[in-house]
Structure formats: C-alpha cells, structure tokens
Amino acid sequence: MKKIGLVIKASNPEAVKLGSEMARWALKTGGQVFVDSGIAPNIPDAIAVQPEDFPGSVEVLIVLGGDGTMIHAVRLLNGKKVPILGVNMGSLGFLTSITVKEVFPLLDRIMRDDFQTEERMLLSVAHTRQGETISRFKVLNDAVIKGDNARLIRLETRINQEYVNTYRADGLIIATPTGSTAYSLSANGPILYPTIHSIIVAPICPFNLTNRPVVIPDWMTVDVTVSPDQSNVELILDGQVDVPLLTGDTVKIKRAEASVYLIKYEGKSYFDILRERLMWEVKRP
C-alpha cells in the first residue's frame, strides 16, 4: 500500500516528530503520505488534505496518539473500509497498542501489503424525537446517556422492543466489545474479547444495586427513552460528541453495517495488552 494517511495528536511534539520521520521514510520508499491540512506545515514531506477527503485519498491510516486520537480517526473514515494502525503516543492505549520501536518494521510490511487485520464492530446510534430521527452517528467504543449534574436520572430501556427496566442511575452505557475496556469498565462492566459480536448495557452507579451490566447478542437493538420530568440529559458518543436530550427523546442503538479494521501486530496478543494496560500480575520465570 503506497497511500498512507497520518492522523497525529498535534499537541504531542513526539507524535509530530515521528510523523515527520514516517513521511520522509515513506517518500524515499515510493509512497505518499497524507495529513490534515492543519498540521501539514509541520510534516514537510506529506500532502495536505481536508479531513473530509481522507477516506477517498488513503489506502491505510496510521494514528499517532492515544485512544482518543484513534476514535477521531475512525470518525474521519466514516465507515470506509481502510485498515488502521494505532501507535501508542498516549498514556493508556488499548486501541493504539503498537510502540514507537515497532513502527518502522511494521510500516515496511504495510508497504508490501504483508499484514493482517482484525475486525471491530461499530454501533449505529439514532437520536429520535416524537418519532422523527434527528441525527445518526457511528461509535467505536460507546454511547453514554447521563445527566450533566449529580442527580439520578430515569431511563426507560427496551431490548428488541421488549421492556427491560427503567434505570434510576447516573446514566447508562451501551458499549461494544472494543469499548468494554473504556467507560464501561469503570462502571463494573465485563471485559469482552474485542472480536466477540455482542453489546454491553451497563448502568452507571444505579440506585438499585441489583441493576447489573448485561451482555446481549449484536443482532439485538437497544432503545433508551428519557423518562418524564428529566432535564439536563446528554447523549455522549465515544466521549467526543455531546448531544442534548429532552424528555421523551429516544436513543436507538444497534450494530452498524460498517466495521473498523485494525492492523494486527503478530508479536503482541490482546492479553499482553491487558496485562500491560491494567497492570495485572506478570508471571515470573
């Protein structure tokens, strides 16, 4: 693959420096590198494009930053099937699991189309009001419905149109397996292997302590309606987009038709990443 897109965390000088080095390396090996026009002056060997032009310009996307930068990159692709490599330049990095030292050997393989990808499901999220769809989104990690103050809110929840519960809680998280190690994990949700096809429904600090997270198959749908007399409620998408909700609004969530394809590094398993990021005990020889 010769057309490489770079998504760089602009506030990280090390990420910008590495991006410049990668663009120089790719140019010498016959490739082209595309970057957002805003950061292009700092990457002299790259071609500047507008964010909306990324999906049609690149054959592979490389992300230099943390998980937030990766989520931003997924939004840029807008469902287009472009493989993504995440390089960890942040503090955590479940999605950006490749280290700086591992980049160039893997980049060489990418240039020769010698790599494998792993599919990650997305969620399709529709915000409806009085039966009319106001907006639609795709998310990689989660859709979160919560209040913007310390009060509990009530959220009527149905799965496959069957009534489940009216949660009285700080909020509700609907997450993918990829998002199981994000906000859902902090809400005592389960860790799911990222290629499992399922959806997590996890209440945030529920008033009734028997309200526990549930896992459902990915062919099911989740409808969450803001109960009467609720105010200051928001829909938060992948922690990056906030949508205000009114009483009676419904958020409809299901598996999206599109998926994300992450480039795998064969020397590192998902359990290696869990041990590193969650600081689990390391087996001693």
C-alpha atoms as a PDB file:
ATOM      1  CA  MET A   1       0.000   0.000   0.000  1.00  0.00           C
ATOM      2  CA  LYS A   2       1.507   3.275  -1.130  1.00  0.00           C
ATOM      3  CA  LYS A   3      -1.032   5.877   0.002  1.00  0.00           C
ATOM      4  CA  ILE A   4      -0.692   6.360   3.749  1.00  0.00           C
ATOM      5  CA  GLY A   5      -2.792   8.687   5.847  1.00  0.00           C
ATOM      6  CA  LEU A   6      -1.394  10.025   9.107  1.00  0.00           C
ATOM      7  CA  VAL A   7      -3.642  11.202  11.939  1.00  0.00           C
ATOM      8  CA  ILE A   8      -1.436  12.882  14.537  1.00  0.00           C
ATOM      9  CA  LYS A   9      -2.118  14.231  18.002  1.00  0.00           C
ATOM     10  CA  ALA A  10      -0.962  17.765  17.225  1.00  0.00           C
ATOM     11  CA  SER A  11      -0.379  18.693  20.874  1.00  0.00           C
ATOM     12  CA  ASN A  12       2.188  15.903  21.277  1.00  0.00           C
ATOM     13  CA  PRO A  13       5.624  17.025  19.957  1.00  0.00           C
ATOM     14  CA  GLU A  14       6.901  13.442  19.877  1.00  0.00           C
ATOM     15  CA  ALA A  15       3.952  12.368  17.727  1.00  0.00           C
ATOM     16  CA  VAL A  16       4.583  15.255  15.304  1.00  0.00           C
ATOM     17  CA  LYS A  17       8.287  14.370  15.134  1.00  0.00           C
ATOM     18  CA  LEU A  18       7.544  10.708  14.454  1.00  0.00           C
ATOM     19  CA  GLY A  19       5.009  11.677  11.796  1.00  0.00           C
ATOM     20  CA  SER A  20       7.615  13.768  10.008  1.00  0.00           C
ATOM     21  CA  GLU A  21      10.092  10.863  10.122  1.00  0.00           C
ATOM     22  CA  MET A  22       7.484   8.447   8.780  1.00  0.00           C
ATOM     23  CA  ALA A  23       6.545  10.772   5.922  1.00  0.00           C
ATOM     24  CA  ARG A  24      10.218  11.142   4.976  1.00  0.00           C
ATOM     25  CA  TRP A  25      10.727   7.369   5.112  1.00  0.00           C
ATOM     26  CA  ALA A  26       7.610   6.646   3.018  1.00  0.00           C
ATOM     27  CA  LEU A  27       8.614   9.191   0.372  1.00  0.00           C
ATOM     28  CA  LYS A  28      12.017   7.506  -0.029  1.00  0.00           C
ATOM     29  CA  THR A  29      10.361   4.110  -0.497  1.00  0.00           C
ATOM     30  CA  GLY A  30       7.971   5.314  -3.192  1.00  0.00           C
ATOM     31  CA  GLY A  31       4.937   6.045  -1.043  1.00  0.00           C
ATOM     32  CA  GLN A  32       2.757   9.070  -0.441  1.00  0.00           C
ATOM     33  CA  VAL A  33       1.689  10.391   2.943  1.00  0.00           C
ATOM     34  CA  PHE A  34      -1.446  12.476   3.517  1.00  0.00           C
ATOM     35  CA  VAL A  35      -2.102  14.581   6.609  1.00  0.00           C
ATOM     36  CA  ASP A  36      -4.703  17.040   7.798  1.00  0.00           C
ATOM     37  CA  SER A  37      -4.111  20.487   6.326  1.00  0.00           C
ATOM     38  CA  GLY A  38      -3.909  21.948   9.841  1.00  0.00           C
ATOM     39  CA  ILE A  39      -0.751  20.024  10.745  1.00  0.00           C
ATOM     40  CA  ALA A  40       0.717  19.834   7.229  1.00  0.00           C
ATOM     41  CA  PRO A  41       3.233  22.699   7.791  1.00  0.00           C
ATOM     42  CA  ASN A  42       4.923  20.523  10.446  1.00  0.00           C
ATOM     43  CA  ILE A  43       5.151  17.491   8.117  1.00  0.00           C
ATOM     44  CA  PRO A  44       7.015  18.851   5.063  1.00  0.00           C
ATOM     45  CA  ASP A  45       7.103  15.554   3.118  1.00  0.00           C
ATOM     46  CA  ALA A  46       3.340  14.981   3.368  1.00  0.00           C
ATOM     47  CA  ILE A  47       0.427  16.053   1.181  1.00  0.00           C
ATOM     48  CA  ALA A  48      -2.204  18.234   2.864  1.00  0.00           C
ATOM     49  CA  VAL A  49      -5.865  17.177   2.585  1.00  0.00           C
ATOM     50  CA  GLN A  50      -9.073  18.304   4.206  1.00  0.00           C
ATOM     51  CA  PRO A  51     -10.462  15.927   6.868  1.00  0.00           C
ATOM     52  CA  GLU A  52     -13.454  15.023   4.714  1.00  0.00           C
ATOM     53  CA  ASP A  53     -11.102  13.937   1.889  1.00  0.00           C
ATOM     54  CA  PHE A  54      -9.214  11.350   3.961  1.00  0.00           C
ATOM     55  CA  PRO A  55     -11.447   8.334   3.160  1.00  0.00           C
ATOM     56  CA  GLY A  56     -11.006   8.708  -0.598  1.00  0.00           C
ATOM     57  CA  SER A  57      -7.298   9.598  -0.512  1.00  0.00           C
ATOM     58  CA  VAL A  58      -5.664   6.825   1.510  1.00  0.00           C
ATOM     59  CA  GLU A  59      -5.239   3.043   1.433  1.00  0.00           C
ATOM     60  CA  VAL A  60      -4.154   2.729   5.059  1.00  0.00           C
ATOM     61  CA  LEU A  61      -4.412   5.037   8.058  1.00  0.00           C
ATOM     62  CA  ILE A  62      -1.766   5.326  10.772  1.00  0.00           C
ATOM     63  CA  VAL A  63      -2.686   7.000  14.042  1.00  0.00           C
ATOM     64  CA  LEU A  64      -0.036   8.622  16.245  1.00  0.00           C
ATOM     65  CA  GLY A  65      -1.540   9.420  19.629  1.00  0.00           C
ATOM     66  CA  GLY A  66      -3.767   7.771  22.208  1.00  0.00           C
ATOM     67  CA  ASP A  67      -7.135   6.093  22.089  1.00  0.00           C
ATOM     68  CA  GLY A  68      -8.886   9.454  21.713  1.00  0.00           C
ATOM     69  CA  THR A  69      -6.902  10.149  18.549  1.00  0.00           C
ATOM     70  CA  MET A  70      -7.801   6.680  17.265  1.00  0.00           C
ATOM     71  CA  ILE A  71     -11.509   7.315  17.830  1.00  0.00           C
ATOM     72  CA  HIS A  72     -11.168  10.620  15.973  1.00  0.00           C
ATOM     73  CA  ALA A  73      -9.541   8.745  13.068  1.00  0.00           C
ATOM     74  CA  VAL A  74     -12.389   6.233  12.952  1.00  0.00           C
ATOM     75  CA  ARG A  75     -14.853   9.117  12.704  1.00  0.00           C
ATOM     76  CA  LEU A  76     -12.829  10.568   9.824  1.00  0.00           C
ATOM     77  CA  LEU A  77     -13.173   7.339   7.827  1.00  0.00           C
ATOM     78  CA  ASN A  78     -16.962   7.403   8.275  1.00  0.00           C
ATOM     79  CA  GLY A  79     -17.372   3.661   7.703  1.00  0.00           C
ATOM     80  CA  LYS A  80     -14.976   3.319   4.741  1.00  0.00           C
ATOM     81  CA  LYS A  81     -13.022   0.044   4.844  1.00  0.00           C
ATOM     82  CA  VAL A  82      -9.485   1.358   5.359  1.00  0.00           C
ATOM     83  CA  PRO A  83      -7.119  -0.607   7.662  1.00  0.00           C
ATOM     84  CA  ILE A  84      -5.873   1.367  10.681  1.00  0.00           C
ATOM     85  CA  LEU A  85      -2.638   1.066  12.630  1.00  0.00           C
ATOM     86  CA  GLY A  86      -2.570   2.673  16.063  1.00  0.00           C
ATOM     87  CA  VAL A  87       0.783   3.777  17.519  1.00  0.00           C
ATOM     88  CA  ASN A  88       0.664   4.487  21.240  1.00  0.00           C
ATOM     89  CA  MET A  89       1.831   8.033  21.960  1.00  0.00           C
ATOM     90  CA  GLY A  90      -0.588   8.491  24.853  1.00  0.00           C
ATOM     91  CA  SER A  91      -0.911   7.332  28.442  1.00  0.00           C
ATOM     92  CA  LEU A  92      -3.110   4.240  28.076  1.00  0.00           C
ATOM     93  CA  GLY A  93      -3.603   2.837  24.608  1.00  0.00           C
ATOM     94  CA  PHE A  94      -5.903  -0.181  24.283  1.00  0.00           C
ATOM     95  CA  LEU A  95      -6.516   0.759  20.646  1.00  0.00           C
ATOM     96  CA  THR A  96      -3.115   2.295  19.922  1.00  0.00           C
ATOM     97  CA  SER A  97      -1.139  -0.702  21.105  1.00  0.00           C
ATOM     98  CA  ILE A  98       1.946  -0.515  18.856  1.00  0.00           C
ATOM     99  CA  THR A  99       5.027   1.083  20.388  1.00  0.00           C
ATOM    100  CA  VAL A 100       7.290   3.580  18.649  1.00  0.00           C
ATOM    101  CA  LYS A 101      10.061   0.964  18.371  1.00  0.00           C
ATOM    102  CA  GLU A 102       7.742  -1.376  16.492  1.00  0.00           C
ATOM    103  CA  VAL A 103       6.560   1.178  13.921  1.00  0.00           C
ATOM    104  CA  PHE A 104       9.086   1.061  11.084  1.00  0.00           C
ATOM    105  CA  PRO A 105       9.385  -2.752  10.765  1.00  0.00           C
ATOM    106  CA  LEU A 106       5.594  -2.920  10.627  1.00  0.00           C
ATOM    107  CA  LEU A 107       5.407   0.030   8.237  1.00  0.00           C
ATOM    108  CA  ASP A 108       7.753  -1.801   5.880  1.00  0.00           C
ATOM    109  CA  ARG A 109       5.372  -4.770   5.876  1.00  0.00           C
ATOM    110  CA  ILE A 110       2.398  -2.480   5.290  1.00  0.00           C
ATOM    111  CA  MET A 111       4.108  -1.055   2.210  1.00  0.00           C
ATOM    112  CA  ARG A 112       4.390  -4.641   0.910  1.00  0.00           C
ATOM    113  CA  ASP A 113       0.776  -5.496   1.817  1.00  0.00           C
ATOM    114  CA  ASP A 114       2.109  -8.087   4.250  1.00  0.00           C
ATOM    115  CA  PHE A 115      -0.179  -7.685   7.243  1.00  0.00           C
ATOM    116  CA  GLN A 116      -3.397  -8.940   8.798  1.00  0.00           C
ATOM    117  CA  THR A 117      -6.351  -7.036  10.189  1.00  0.00           C
ATOM    118  CA  GLU A 118      -8.841  -7.610  12.978  1.00  0.00           C
ATOM    119  CA  GLU A 119     -12.472  -6.578  12.605  1.00  0.00           C
ATOM    120  CA  ARG A 120     -14.040  -4.404  15.308  1.00  0.00           C
ATOM    121  CA  MET A 121     -17.770  -3.782  15.244  1.00  0.00           C
ATOM    122  CA  LEU A 122     -19.316  -0.312  15.374  1.00  0.00           C
ATOM    123  CA  LEU A 123     -22.614   0.809  16.834  1.00  0.00           C
ATOM    124  CA  SER A 124     -25.180   2.783  14.882  1.00  0.00           C
ATOM    125  CA  VAL A 125     -26.849   5.378  17.119  1.00  0.00           C
ATOM    126  CA  ALA A 126     -30.018   7.249  16.149  1.00  0.00           C
ATOM    127  CA  HIS A 127     -31.444  10.149  18.169  1.00  0.00           C
ATOM    128  CA  THR A 128     -35.216  10.385  17.713  1.00  0.00           C
ATOM    129  CA  ARG A 129     -37.782  12.916  18.930  1.00  0.00           C
ATOM    130  CA  GLN A 130     -41.536  12.400  18.554  1.00  0.00           C
ATOM    131  CA  GLY A 131     -40.872   9.553  16.143  1.00  0.00           C
ATOM    132  CA  GLU A 132     -38.566  11.575  13.885  1.00  0.00           C
ATOM    133  CA  THR A 133     -34.845  10.814  13.564  1.00  0.00           C
ATOM    134  CA  ILE A 134     -32.883  13.978  14.288  1.00  0.00           C
ATOM    135  CA  SER A 135     -29.339  12.658  13.886  1.00  0.00           C
ATOM    136  CA  ARG A 136     -27.342   9.453  13.330  1.00  0.00           C
ATOM    137  CA  PHE A 137     -23.850   8.502  14.443  1.00  0.00           C
ATOM    138  CA  LYS A 138     -21.405   5.604  14.401  1.00  0.00           C
ATOM    139  CA  VAL A 139     -19.353   4.840  17.502  1.00  0.00           C
ATOM    140  CA  LEU A 140     -16.448   2.503  18.173  1.00  0.00           C
ATOM    141  CA  ASN A 141     -16.477   2.450  21.980  1.00  0.00           C
ATOM    142  CA  ASP A 142     -19.782   3.518  23.439  1.00  0.00           C
ATOM    143  CA  ALA A 143     -22.881   5.657  23.567  1.00  0.00           C
ATOM    144  CA  VAL A 144     -23.476   7.112  27.043  1.00  0.00           C
ATOM    145  CA  ILE A 145     -26.698   8.698  28.279  1.00  0.00           C
ATOM    146  CA  LYS A 146     -26.254  10.631  31.514  1.00  0.00           C
ATOM    147  CA  GLY A 147     -27.196  13.750  33.393  1.00  0.00           C
ATOM    148  CA  ASP A 148     -24.907  16.739  33.499  1.00  0.00           C
ATOM    149  CA  ASN A 149     -25.267  17.181  37.263  1.00  0.00           C
ATOM    150  CA  ALA A 150     -25.192  14.970  40.363  1.00  0.00           C
ATOM    151  CA  ARG A 151     -28.869  13.944  40.198  1.00  0.00           C
ATOM    152  CA  LEU A 152     -30.058  10.470  39.263  1.00  0.00           C
ATOM    153  CA  ILE A 153     -31.989  10.208  36.001  1.00  0.00           C
ATOM    154  CA  ARG A 154     -34.626   7.718  34.843  1.00  0.00           C
ATOM    155  CA  LEU A 155     -34.107   5.904  31.541  1.00  0.00           C
ATOM    156  CA  GLU A 156     -36.716   3.507  30.176  1.00  0.00           C
ATOM    157  CA  THR A 157     -34.851   0.742  28.373  1.00  0.00           C
ATOM    158  CA  ARG A 158     -36.095  -1.819  25.862  1.00  0.00           C
ATOM    159  CA  ILE A 159     -34.164  -4.561  24.109  1.00  0.00           C
ATOM    160  CA  ASN A 160     -35.655  -5.807  20.837  1.00  0.00           C
ATOM    161  CA  GLN A 161     -38.730  -3.727  21.754  1.00  0.00           C
ATOM    162  CA  GLU A 162     -39.221  -5.744  24.953  1.00  0.00           C
ATOM    163  CA  TYR A 163     -39.319  -3.714  28.164  1.00  0.00           C
ATOM    164  CA  VAL A 164     -36.305  -4.451  30.382  1.00  0.00           C
ATOM    165  CA  ASN A 165     -36.092  -1.805  33.098  1.00  0.00           C
ATOM    166  CA  THR A 166     -36.411   1.870  33.902  1.00  0.00           C
ATOM    167  CA  TYR A 167     -32.952   2.531  35.241  1.00  0.00           C
ATOM    168  CA  ARG A 168     -32.627   5.070  38.032  1.00  0.00           C
ATOM    169  CA  ALA A 169     -28.931   5.835  37.833  1.00  0.00           C
ATOM    170  CA  ASP A 170     -26.296   8.406  36.979  1.00  0.00           C
ATOM    171  CA  GLY A 171     -26.611   7.159  33.430  1.00  0.00           C
ATOM    172  CA  LEU A 172     -26.436   4.219  31.060  1.00  0.00           C
ATOM    173  CA  ILE A 173     -23.578   2.961  28.869  1.00  0.00           C
ATOM    174  CA  ILE A 174     -24.154   0.966  25.695  1.00  0.00           C
ATOM    175  CA  ALA A 175     -20.757  -0.325  24.596  1.00  0.00           C
ATOM    176  CA  THR A 176     -19.074  -2.519  22.018  1.00  0.00           C
ATOM    177  CA  PRO A 177     -16.561  -5.219  22.981  1.00  0.00           C
ATOM    178  CA  THR A 178     -13.849  -2.730  21.999  1.00  0.00           C
ATOM    179  CA  GLY A 179     -15.401  -0.251  24.429  1.00  0.00           C
ATOM    180  CA  SER A 180     -15.543  -2.823  27.225  1.00  0.00           C
ATOM    181  CA  THR A 181     -12.160  -1.548  28.469  1.00  0.00           C
ATOM    182  CA  ALA A 182     -13.272   2.105  28.366  1.00  0.00           C
ATOM    183  CA  TYR A 183     -16.030   3.802  30.413  1.00  0.00           C
ATOM    184  CA  SER A 184     -17.940   0.534  30.799  1.00  0.00           C
ATOM    185  CA  LEU A 185     -15.023  -0.996  32.706  1.00  0.00           C
ATOM    186  CA  SER A 186     -15.174   1.857  35.243  1.00  0.00           C
ATOM    187  CA  ALA A 187     -18.881   1.087  35.694  1.00  0.00           C
ATOM    188  CA  ASN A 188     -18.031  -2.529  36.633  1.00  0.00           C
ATOM    189  CA  GLY A 189     -18.840  -3.807  33.156  1.00  0.00           C
ATOM    190  CA  PRO A 190     -17.231  -7.023  31.855  1.00  0.00           C
ATOM    191  CA  ILE A 191     -14.116  -7.176  29.706  1.00  0.00           C
ATOM    192  CA  LEU A 192     -15.045  -8.756  26.376  1.00  0.00           C
ATOM    193  CA  TYR A 193     -12.624 -10.096  23.807  1.00  0.00           C
ATOM    194  CA  PRO A 194     -12.762  -7.389  21.130  1.00  0.00           C
ATOM    195  CA  THR A 195     -13.864  -9.607  18.228  1.00  0.00           C
ATOM    196  CA  ILE A 196     -16.880 -11.045  20.077  1.00  0.00           C
ATOM    197  CA  HIS A 197     -20.121  -9.926  18.443  1.00  0.00           C
ATOM    198  CA  SER A 198     -22.083  -8.528  21.366  1.00  0.00           C
ATOM    199  CA  ILE A 199     -23.301  -5.345  23.058  1.00  0.00           C
ATOM    200  CA  ILE A 200     -22.926  -4.297  26.710  1.00  0.00           C
ATOM    201  CA  VAL A 201     -25.682  -2.431  28.556  1.00  0.00           C
ATOM    202  CA  ALA A 202     -24.185  -1.075  31.790  1.00  0.00           C
ATOM    203  CA  PRO A 203     -25.860   1.299  34.289  1.00  0.00           C
ATOM    204  CA  ILE A 204     -23.668   3.964  35.905  1.00  0.00           C
ATOM    205  CA  CYS A 205     -23.948   3.979  39.718  1.00  0.00           C
ATOM    206  CA  PRO A 206     -27.536   2.625  39.809  1.00  0.00           C
ATOM    207  CA  PHE A 207     -29.796   3.417  42.781  1.00  0.00           C
ATOM    208  CA  ASN A 208     -30.837  -0.243  42.870  1.00  0.00           C
ATOM    209  CA  LEU A 209     -27.616  -2.198  43.401  1.00  0.00           C
ATOM    210  CA  THR A 210     -29.121  -5.307  41.781  1.00  0.00           C
ATOM    211  CA  ASN A 211     -29.113  -3.476  38.426  1.00  0.00           C
ATOM    212  CA  ARG A 212     -26.051  -5.085  36.873  1.00  0.00           C
ATOM    213  CA  PRO A 213     -24.481  -4.865  33.393  1.00  0.00           C
ATOM    214  CA  VAL A 214     -25.902  -7.250  30.818  1.00  0.00           C
ATOM    215  CA  VAL A 215     -24.420  -8.557  27.564  1.00  0.00           C
ATOM    216  CA  ILE A 216     -26.663  -9.180  24.548  1.00  0.00           C
ATOM    217  CA  PRO A 217     -26.034 -10.521  21.026  1.00  0.00           C
ATOM    218  CA  ASP A 218     -25.122  -7.975  18.366  1.00  0.00           C
ATOM    219  CA  TRP A 219     -28.309  -8.625  16.364  1.00  0.00           C
ATOM    220  CA  MET A 220     -30.431  -7.121  19.120  1.00  0.00           C
ATOM    221  CA  THR A 221     -31.382  -3.444  19.365  1.00  0.00           C
ATOM    222  CA  VAL A 222     -31.433  -1.202  22.435  1.00  0.00           C
ATOM    223  CA  ASP A 223     -33.947   1.649  22.771  1.00  0.00           C
ATOM    224  CA  VAL A 224     -33.440   4.097  25.650  1.00  0.00           C
ATOM    225  CA  THR A 225     -36.105   6.742  26.305  1.00  0.00           C
ATOM    226  CA  VAL A 226     -35.653   9.708  28.635  1.00  0.00           C
ATOM    227  CA  SER A 227     -38.447   9.355  31.205  1.00  0.00           C
ATOM    228  CA  PRO A 228     -40.843  12.236  32.029  1.00  0.00           C
ATOM    229  CA  ASP A 229     -39.679  15.198  34.080  1.00  0.00           C
ATOM    230  CA  GLN A 230     -35.985  14.617  33.385  1.00  0.00           C
ATOM    231  CA  SER A 231     -33.747  17.540  32.473  1.00  0.00           C
ATOM    232  CA  ASN A 232     -30.109  18.241  31.620  1.00  0.00           C
ATOM    233  CA  VAL A 233     -29.617  14.833  29.979  1.00  0.00           C
ATOM    234  CA  GLU A 234     -26.956  14.276  27.336  1.00  0.00           C
ATOM    235  CA  LEU A 235     -26.021  11.624  24.799  1.00  0.00           C
ATOM    236  CA  ILE A 236     -22.227  11.334  24.661  1.00  0.00           C
ATOM    237  CA  LEU A 237     -20.702   9.484  21.702  1.00  0.00           C
ATOM    238  CA  ASP A 238     -17.242   7.963  22.139  1.00  0.00           C
ATOM    239  CA  GLY A 239     -16.504  10.717  24.642  1.00  0.00           C
ATOM    240  CA  GLN A 240     -16.149  13.225  21.798  1.00  0.00           C
ATOM    241  CA  VAL A 241     -19.625  14.326  20.672  1.00  0.00           C
ATOM    242  CA  ASP A 242     -22.316  15.634  23.060  1.00  0.00           C
ATOM    243  CA  VAL A 243     -25.998  15.742  22.080  1.00  0.00           C
ATOM    244  CA  PRO A 244     -28.587  17.300  24.444  1.00  0.00           C
ATOM    245  CA  LEU A 245     -31.671  15.156  25.076  1.00  0.00           C
ATOM    246  CA  LEU A 246     -35.192  16.223  26.076  1.00  0.00           C
ATOM    247  CA  THR A 247     -37.869  14.361  27.983  1.00  0.00           C
ATOM    248  CA  GLY A 248     -39.382  11.724  25.697  1.00  0.00           C
ATOM    249  CA  ASP A 249     -36.380  11.545  23.350  1.00  0.00           C
ATOM    250  CA  THR A 250     -35.309   8.028  22.407  1.00  0.00           C
ATOM    251  CA  VAL A 251     -31.840   6.800  21.527  1.00  0.00           C
ATOM    252  CA  LYS A 252     -31.928   3.736  19.264  1.00  0.00           C
ATOM    253  CA  ILE A 253     -28.751   1.670  19.201  1.00  0.00           C
ATOM    254  CA  LYS A 254     -27.843  -1.343  17.085  1.00  0.00           C
ATOM    255  CA  ARG A 255     -24.824  -2.835  15.377  1.00  0.00           C
ATOM    256  CA  ALA A 256     -23.719  -0.760  12.399  1.00  0.00           C
ATOM    257  CA  GLU A 257     -23.337  -2.314   8.962  1.00  0.00           C
ATOM    258  CA  ALA A 258     -19.783  -0.927   8.714  1.00  0.00           C
ATOM    259  CA  SER A 259     -16.851  -2.161  10.800  1.00  0.00           C
ATOM    260  CA  VAL A 260     -13.358  -0.959  11.645  1.00  0.00           C
ATOM    261  CA  TYR A 261     -10.298  -2.996  10.653  1.00  0.00           C
ATOM    262  CA  LEU A 262      -7.255  -2.681  12.905  1.00  0.00           C
ATOM    263  CA  ILE A 263      -3.848  -3.866  11.719  1.00  0.00           C
ATOM    264  CA  LYS A 264      -2.546  -6.623  13.974  1.00  0.00           C
ATOM    265  CA  TYR A 265       0.964  -6.875  15.346  1.00  0.00           C
ATOM    266  CA  GLU A 266       1.660 -10.590  15.456  1.00  0.00           C
ATOM    267  CA  GLY A 267       4.112 -10.356  18.321  1.00  0.00           C
ATOM    268  CA  LYS A 268       1.529  -8.952  20.745  1.00  0.00           C
ATOM    269  CA  SER A 269      -1.741 -10.569  21.837  1.00  0.00           C
ATOM    270  CA  TYR A 270      -4.800  -8.931  23.352  1.00  0.00           C
ATOM    271  CA  PHE A 271      -3.920 -10.470  26.712  1.00  0.00           C
ATOM    272  CA  ASP A 272      -0.436  -8.951  26.512  1.00  0.00           C
ATOM    273  CA  ILE A 273      -2.101  -5.568  26.111  1.00  0.00           C
ATOM    274  CA  LEU A 274      -4.471  -6.200  29.032  1.00  0.00           C
ATOM    275  CA  ARG A 275      -1.590  -7.152  31.323  1.00  0.00           C
ATOM    276  CA  GLU A 276       0.354  -4.035  30.362  1.00  0.00           C
ATOM    277  CA  ARG A 277      -2.504  -1.532  30.496  1.00  0.00           C
ATOM    278  CA  LEU A 278      -4.300  -2.892  33.567  1.00  0.00           C
ATOM    279  CA  MET A 279      -1.082  -3.720  35.415  1.00  0.00           C
ATOM    280  CA  TRP A 280      -2.035  -7.317  36.058  1.00  0.00           C
ATOM    281  CA  GLU A 281       0.470  -9.564  37.741  1.00  0.00           C
ATOM    282  CA  VAL A 282       3.263 -10.662  35.404  1.00  0.00           C
ATOM    283  CA  LYS A 283       4.243 -14.313  35.555  1.00  0.00           C
ATOM    284  CA  ARG A 284       7.794 -14.661  36.763  1.00  0.00           C
ATOM    285  CA  PRO A 285      10.158 -17.254  35.262  1.00  0.00           C
END
